[in-house]
Amino acid sequence: MTIFSKRAKLLLVALIALCATVSFATDGKAKPSLNVFAAASLTEALNEIAVLYKTAAPDVTLSFNFDSSGKLQTQIENGAEADLFLSAGQKQMDDLTGKFTDDATRKNLLTNKVVLIVPQNSKKGISSFNDVLTNKVSLIAIGNSSVPVGQYSEEIFTFLKGWEVVSKKASLGSNVKEVLSQVESASVDCGVVYSTDAATAKNIKVVASAPEGSHKPVVYPAAVLKGSKHPKEAKAFLDFLSSPKAVAVFEKIGFVVVK
């Protein structure tokens, strides 16, 4: 074999190796990982929808960060890598509007209800939000002031002219799941959560819905974030959340889908 043919062979091997590397890199880019920041109350629904999305978009990996909408907002403002934000309140999304969100993609996705829950074996006789203002309740779990469910709670008890009383016997949670956990463990007399959280919980019972007109509507807005590395895929997943399969999951849990 001549020196030329040896060099040609080595060049061919190197070229094949290079092509294989490029192919691998291209495949990697075709399989993006989306960081979805979502309100804690969406945990069960989105985990179930993620399984369905694997069939619709097998090359896309979904990574969820579930927490209070206020905490997620702060993380986004501080530069957290996120592609999509689903909030349990308009305020948190409004605060990100313009600078952090692709406002053309923003949409109201879901609505929810606020309910009062008690431990399954409660003997306190609590049956209404007004009962929280009485000596039937010594300790109530509610979200803190940065959590949408906490903000709704304050609105409700302000409407009932009893926020000053309630705030003095409140055990604050940093998200709605913490509030739910306190009631499930019977460490408090009652708690204020979304109806969807109550529907998926154990060892609790719903005793009342928030009085009509006592708080702002519970609306879940969603939007792709300007810093997304995969805006096209993020928008595709957002669109999937309004598909019949995703809607069926949301409605099964108790959300109302915005048409």
Protein backbone atom coordinates (compact mmCIF):
# COMPACT_ATOMS: atom_id res chain seq x y z
CA MET A 1 0.00 0.00 0.00
CA THR A 2 1.40 3.40 -0.99
CA ILE A 3 1.85 6.30 1.40
CA PHE A 4 -0.89 8.14 -0.53
CA SER A 5 -3.37 5.31 -0.12
CA LYS A 6 -2.56 5.07 3.60
CA ARG A 7 -3.21 8.78 4.01
CA ALA A 8 -6.42 8.49 2.00
CA LYS A 9 -7.58 5.68 4.24
CA LEU A 10 -6.79 7.65 7.39
CA LEU A 11 -8.58 10.67 5.96
CA LEU A 12 -11.63 8.53 5.19
CA VAL A 13 -11.69 7.13 8.73
CA ALA A 14 -11.41 10.63 10.17
CA LEU A 15 -14.20 11.85 7.91
CA ILE A 16 -16.50 9.02 8.97
CA ALA A 17 -15.75 9.76 12.62
CA LEU A 18 -16.51 13.44 12.06
CA CYS A 19 -19.80 12.65 10.35
CA ALA A 20 -20.78 10.37 13.22
CA THR A 21 -20.00 13.16 15.68
CA VAL A 22 -22.04 15.69 13.74
CA SER A 23 -24.95 13.24 13.47
CA PHE A 24 -24.86 12.68 17.22
CA ALA A 25 -24.83 16.42 17.89
CA THR A 26 -27.72 16.96 15.49
CA ASP A 27 -29.71 14.24 17.22
CA GLY A 28 -29.03 15.93 20.54
CA LYS A 29 -30.42 19.23 19.29
CA ALA A 30 -33.51 17.45 18.00
CA LYS A 31 -34.32 16.25 21.51
CA PRO A 32 -34.73 19.40 23.64
CA SER A 33 -35.43 19.41 27.34
CA LEU A 34 -38.09 21.90 28.39
CA ASN A 35 -37.98 23.46 31.86
CA VAL A 36 -41.59 24.04 32.83
CA PHE A 37 -42.15 26.24 35.90
CA ALA A 38 -45.65 25.51 37.20
CA ALA A 39 -47.82 26.29 40.21
CA ALA A 40 -47.77 23.51 42.80
CA SER A 41 -51.50 22.92 42.36
CA LEU A 42 -50.79 21.67 38.82
CA THR A 43 -48.51 18.85 39.99
CA GLU A 44 -50.83 15.88 39.51
CA ALA A 45 -52.35 17.12 36.25
CA LEU A 46 -49.07 17.98 34.53
CA ASN A 47 -47.34 14.77 35.60
CA GLU A 48 -50.18 12.81 34.01
CA ILE A 49 -50.19 14.99 30.89
CA ALA A 50 -46.42 14.55 30.54
CA VAL A 51 -46.97 10.81 29.99
CA LEU A 52 -49.44 11.58 27.20
CA TYR A 53 -47.07 14.09 25.63
CA LYS A 54 -44.40 11.43 25.27
CA THR A 55 -46.56 9.91 22.55
CA ALA A 56 -47.24 13.23 20.86
CA ALA A 57 -43.64 14.47 21.01
CA PRO A 58 -41.28 11.58 21.88
CA ASP A 59 -38.15 13.67 21.25
CA VAL A 60 -39.05 16.28 23.88
CA THR A 61 -38.13 15.83 27.55
CA LEU A 62 -40.20 17.69 30.12
CA SER A 63 -38.65 18.81 33.40
CA PHE A 64 -41.05 20.34 35.94
CA ASN A 65 -40.33 22.80 38.73
CA PHE A 66 -43.43 22.89 40.94
CA ASP A 67 -43.73 25.55 43.65
CA SER A 68 -45.73 28.61 44.61
CA SER A 69 -46.25 31.02 41.72
CA GLY A 70 -44.59 33.81 43.69
CA LYS A 71 -41.45 31.78 44.32
CA LEU A 72 -41.29 30.70 40.68
CA GLN A 73 -41.68 34.33 39.60
CA THR A 74 -38.72 35.30 41.76
CA GLN A 75 -36.60 32.48 40.34
CA ILE A 76 -37.38 33.60 36.79
CA GLU A 77 -36.55 37.22 37.64
CA ASN A 78 -33.24 36.05 39.09
CA GLY A 79 -32.26 34.29 35.86
CA ALA A 80 -33.43 30.72 36.34
CA GLU A 81 -33.38 28.73 33.10
CA ALA A 82 -37.03 28.25 32.19
CA ASP A 83 -39.00 27.78 28.98
CA LEU A 84 -42.61 27.99 30.12
CA PHE A 85 -44.42 29.48 33.14
CA LEU A 86 -47.84 28.38 34.37
CA SER A 87 -49.07 30.54 37.24
CA ALA A 88 -51.98 30.08 39.64
CA GLY A 89 -52.58 33.82 39.66
CA GLN A 90 -52.59 36.73 37.23
CA LYS A 91 -50.45 38.95 39.44
CA GLN A 92 -47.33 36.81 39.15
CA MET A 93 -47.64 36.62 35.37
CA ASP A 94 -48.42 40.33 35.12
CA ASP A 95 -45.22 41.14 37.01
CA LEU A 96 -43.21 39.23 34.39
CA THR A 97 -45.03 40.71 31.41
CA GLY A 98 -42.88 42.45 28.82
CA LYS A 99 -39.44 41.82 30.23
CA PHE A 100 -39.55 38.08 30.84
CA THR A 101 -42.52 36.65 28.91
CA ASP A 102 -43.27 36.30 25.23
CA ASP A 103 -46.56 38.13 25.56
CA ALA A 104 -47.85 36.91 22.20
CA THR A 105 -47.99 33.38 23.66
CA ARG A 106 -49.78 34.29 26.90
CA LYS A 107 -53.17 32.68 27.41
CA ASN A 108 -55.57 31.97 30.24
CA LEU A 109 -55.51 28.19 30.54
CA LEU A 110 -57.63 27.12 33.52
CA THR A 111 -59.87 28.25 36.36
CA ASN A 112 -60.22 26.74 39.82
CA LYS A 113 -62.22 27.11 43.04
CA VAL A 114 -61.14 27.88 46.61
CA VAL A 115 -62.43 25.59 49.36
CA LEU A 116 -62.18 25.13 53.11
CA ILE A 117 -60.98 21.69 54.23
CA VAL A 118 -60.67 19.94 57.58
CA PRO A 119 -58.98 16.70 58.71
CA GLN A 120 -61.05 13.63 57.87
CA ASN A 121 -61.82 12.85 61.52
CA SER A 122 -62.40 16.44 62.65
CA LYS A 123 -64.94 16.86 65.46
CA LYS A 124 -64.78 20.66 65.57
CA GLY A 125 -68.07 21.22 63.76
CA ILE A 126 -66.45 23.50 61.17
CA SER A 127 -68.78 23.87 58.20
CA SER A 128 -68.22 27.36 56.75
CA PHE A 129 -65.61 30.06 56.22
CA ASN A 130 -67.41 32.09 58.88
CA ASP A 131 -66.68 29.35 61.41
CA VAL A 132 -62.97 30.19 61.08
CA LEU A 133 -63.72 33.49 62.80
CA THR A 134 -65.06 31.69 65.87
CA ASN A 135 -63.48 29.68 68.67
CA LYS A 136 -64.13 26.50 66.68
CA VAL A 137 -60.80 27.21 65.01
CA SER A 138 -57.55 27.70 66.92
CA LEU A 139 -55.19 27.22 63.97
CA ILE A 140 -55.80 27.47 60.23
CA ALA A 141 -53.34 26.68 57.42
CA ILE A 142 -53.22 29.23 54.60
CA GLY A 143 -50.67 30.23 51.99
CA ASN A 144 -48.35 33.13 52.80
CA SER A 145 -48.71 36.52 51.14
CA SER A 146 -46.61 35.60 48.08
CA VAL A 147 -48.69 32.51 47.30
CA PRO A 148 -51.83 32.97 45.15
CA VAL A 149 -53.95 30.73 47.38
CA GLY A 150 -52.79 32.83 50.34
CA GLN A 151 -53.78 36.01 48.53
CA TYR A 152 -57.20 34.55 47.75
CA SER A 153 -57.54 33.52 51.40
CA GLU A 154 -56.85 37.05 52.58
CA GLU A 155 -59.42 38.40 50.12
CA ILE A 156 -62.05 35.95 51.39
CA PHE A 157 -61.59 36.74 55.07
CA THR A 158 -61.36 40.46 54.37
CA PHE A 159 -64.69 40.12 52.55
CA LEU A 160 -66.05 38.42 55.69
CA LYS A 161 -64.60 41.25 57.82
CA GLY A 162 -62.45 38.82 59.75
CA TRP A 163 -58.93 38.95 58.31
CA GLU A 164 -57.48 40.49 61.47
CA VAL A 165 -58.85 37.58 63.50
CA VAL A 166 -57.72 34.91 61.02
CA SER A 167 -54.22 36.31 60.53
CA LYS A 168 -53.52 35.82 64.24
CA LYS A 169 -54.24 32.10 64.11
CA ALA A 170 -52.77 31.36 60.71
CA SER A 171 -50.11 28.72 60.05
CA LEU A 172 -48.49 29.86 56.81
CA GLY A 173 -47.42 27.57 53.98
CA SER A 174 -45.00 28.48 51.21
CA ASN A 175 -47.24 26.80 48.61
CA VAL A 176 -50.65 25.14 48.47
CA LYS A 177 -49.22 21.64 48.94
CA GLU A 178 -47.72 22.68 52.28
CA VAL A 179 -51.13 23.99 53.34
CA LEU A 180 -52.73 20.71 52.28
CA SER A 181 -50.12 18.68 54.14
CA GLN A 182 -50.82 20.51 57.40
CA VAL A 183 -54.50 19.60 57.18
CA GLU A 184 -53.80 16.01 56.12
CA SER A 185 -51.59 15.55 59.18
CA ALA A 186 -54.25 17.17 61.41
CA SER A 187 -51.71 19.65 62.76
CA VAL A 188 -54.27 22.41 62.16
CA ASP A 189 -58.04 22.63 62.50
CA CYS A 190 -58.64 23.55 58.86
CA GLY A 191 -57.05 25.01 55.75
CA VAL A 192 -57.77 26.90 52.55
CA VAL A 193 -56.77 25.20 49.29
CA TYR A 194 -57.98 24.78 45.71
CA SER A 195 -60.73 22.27 45.03
CA THR A 196 -58.37 20.33 42.74
CA ASP A 197 -55.87 19.82 45.56
CA ALA A 198 -58.64 18.60 47.81
CA ALA A 199 -59.80 16.18 45.11
CA THR A 200 -56.41 14.44 44.99
CA ALA A 201 -55.77 14.47 48.75
CA LYS A 202 -56.27 11.87 51.45
CA ASN A 203 -57.49 12.17 55.03
CA ILE A 204 -59.32 15.46 54.48
CA LYS A 205 -62.84 16.55 53.65
CA VAL A 206 -64.20 19.67 51.99
CA VAL A 207 -66.67 21.52 54.19
CA ALA A 208 -67.31 24.73 52.21
CA SER A 209 -66.62 26.64 49.02
CA ALA A 210 -65.59 30.29 49.21
CA PRO A 211 -68.58 32.64 49.34
CA GLU A 212 -69.65 33.99 45.96
CA GLY A 213 -67.82 37.20 45.09
CA SER A 214 -65.43 36.96 48.04
CA HIS A 215 -62.23 36.83 45.97
CA LYS A 216 -60.87 37.45 42.49
CA PRO A 217 -61.46 34.64 39.97
CA VAL A 218 -58.83 31.91 40.21
CA VAL A 219 -57.34 31.96 36.72
CA TYR A 220 -54.18 30.16 35.59
CA PRO A 221 -52.31 32.08 32.87
CA ALA A 222 -49.45 30.50 30.93
CA ALA A 223 -46.75 31.90 28.66
CA VAL A 224 -43.49 31.00 26.96
CA LEU A 225 -40.53 32.85 28.46
CA LYS A 226 -38.28 35.13 26.43
CA GLY A 227 -35.18 33.36 27.71
CA SER A 228 -36.33 29.99 26.42
CA LYS A 229 -33.72 28.06 24.44
CA HIS A 230 -36.54 26.11 22.79
CA PRO A 231 -39.39 28.60 22.19
CA LYS A 232 -40.94 26.59 19.34
CA GLU A 233 -41.12 23.40 21.43
CA ALA A 234 -42.34 25.35 24.48
CA LYS A 235 -45.17 26.84 22.42
CA ALA A 236 -46.03 23.38 21.07
CA PHE A 237 -46.36 22.00 24.62
CA LEU A 238 -48.43 25.01 25.66
CA ASP A 239 -50.75 24.34 22.71
CA PHE A 240 -50.97 20.66 23.72
CA LEU A 241 -52.34 21.72 27.11
CA SER A 242 -55.52 22.80 25.31
CA SER A 243 -55.80 19.57 23.34
CA PRO A 244 -58.67 17.13 24.03
CA LYS A 245 -56.37 14.65 25.79
CA ALA A 246 -54.93 17.27 28.14
CA VAL A 247 -58.34 18.85 28.74
CA ALA A 248 -59.68 15.46 29.81
CA VAL A 249 -56.95 15.21 32.48
CA PHE A 250 -57.56 18.72 33.78
CA GLU A 251 -61.32 18.20 33.96
CA LYS A 252 -60.97 14.82 35.66
CA ILE A 253 -59.06 16.49 38.49
CA GLY A 254 -61.56 19.35 38.71
CA PHE A 255 -60.11 22.26 36.75
CA VAL A 256 -62.29 24.18 34.33
CA VAL A 257 -60.57 24.73 31.01
CA VAL A 258 -60.83 28.22 29.53
CA LYS A 259 -62.32 27.96 26.04
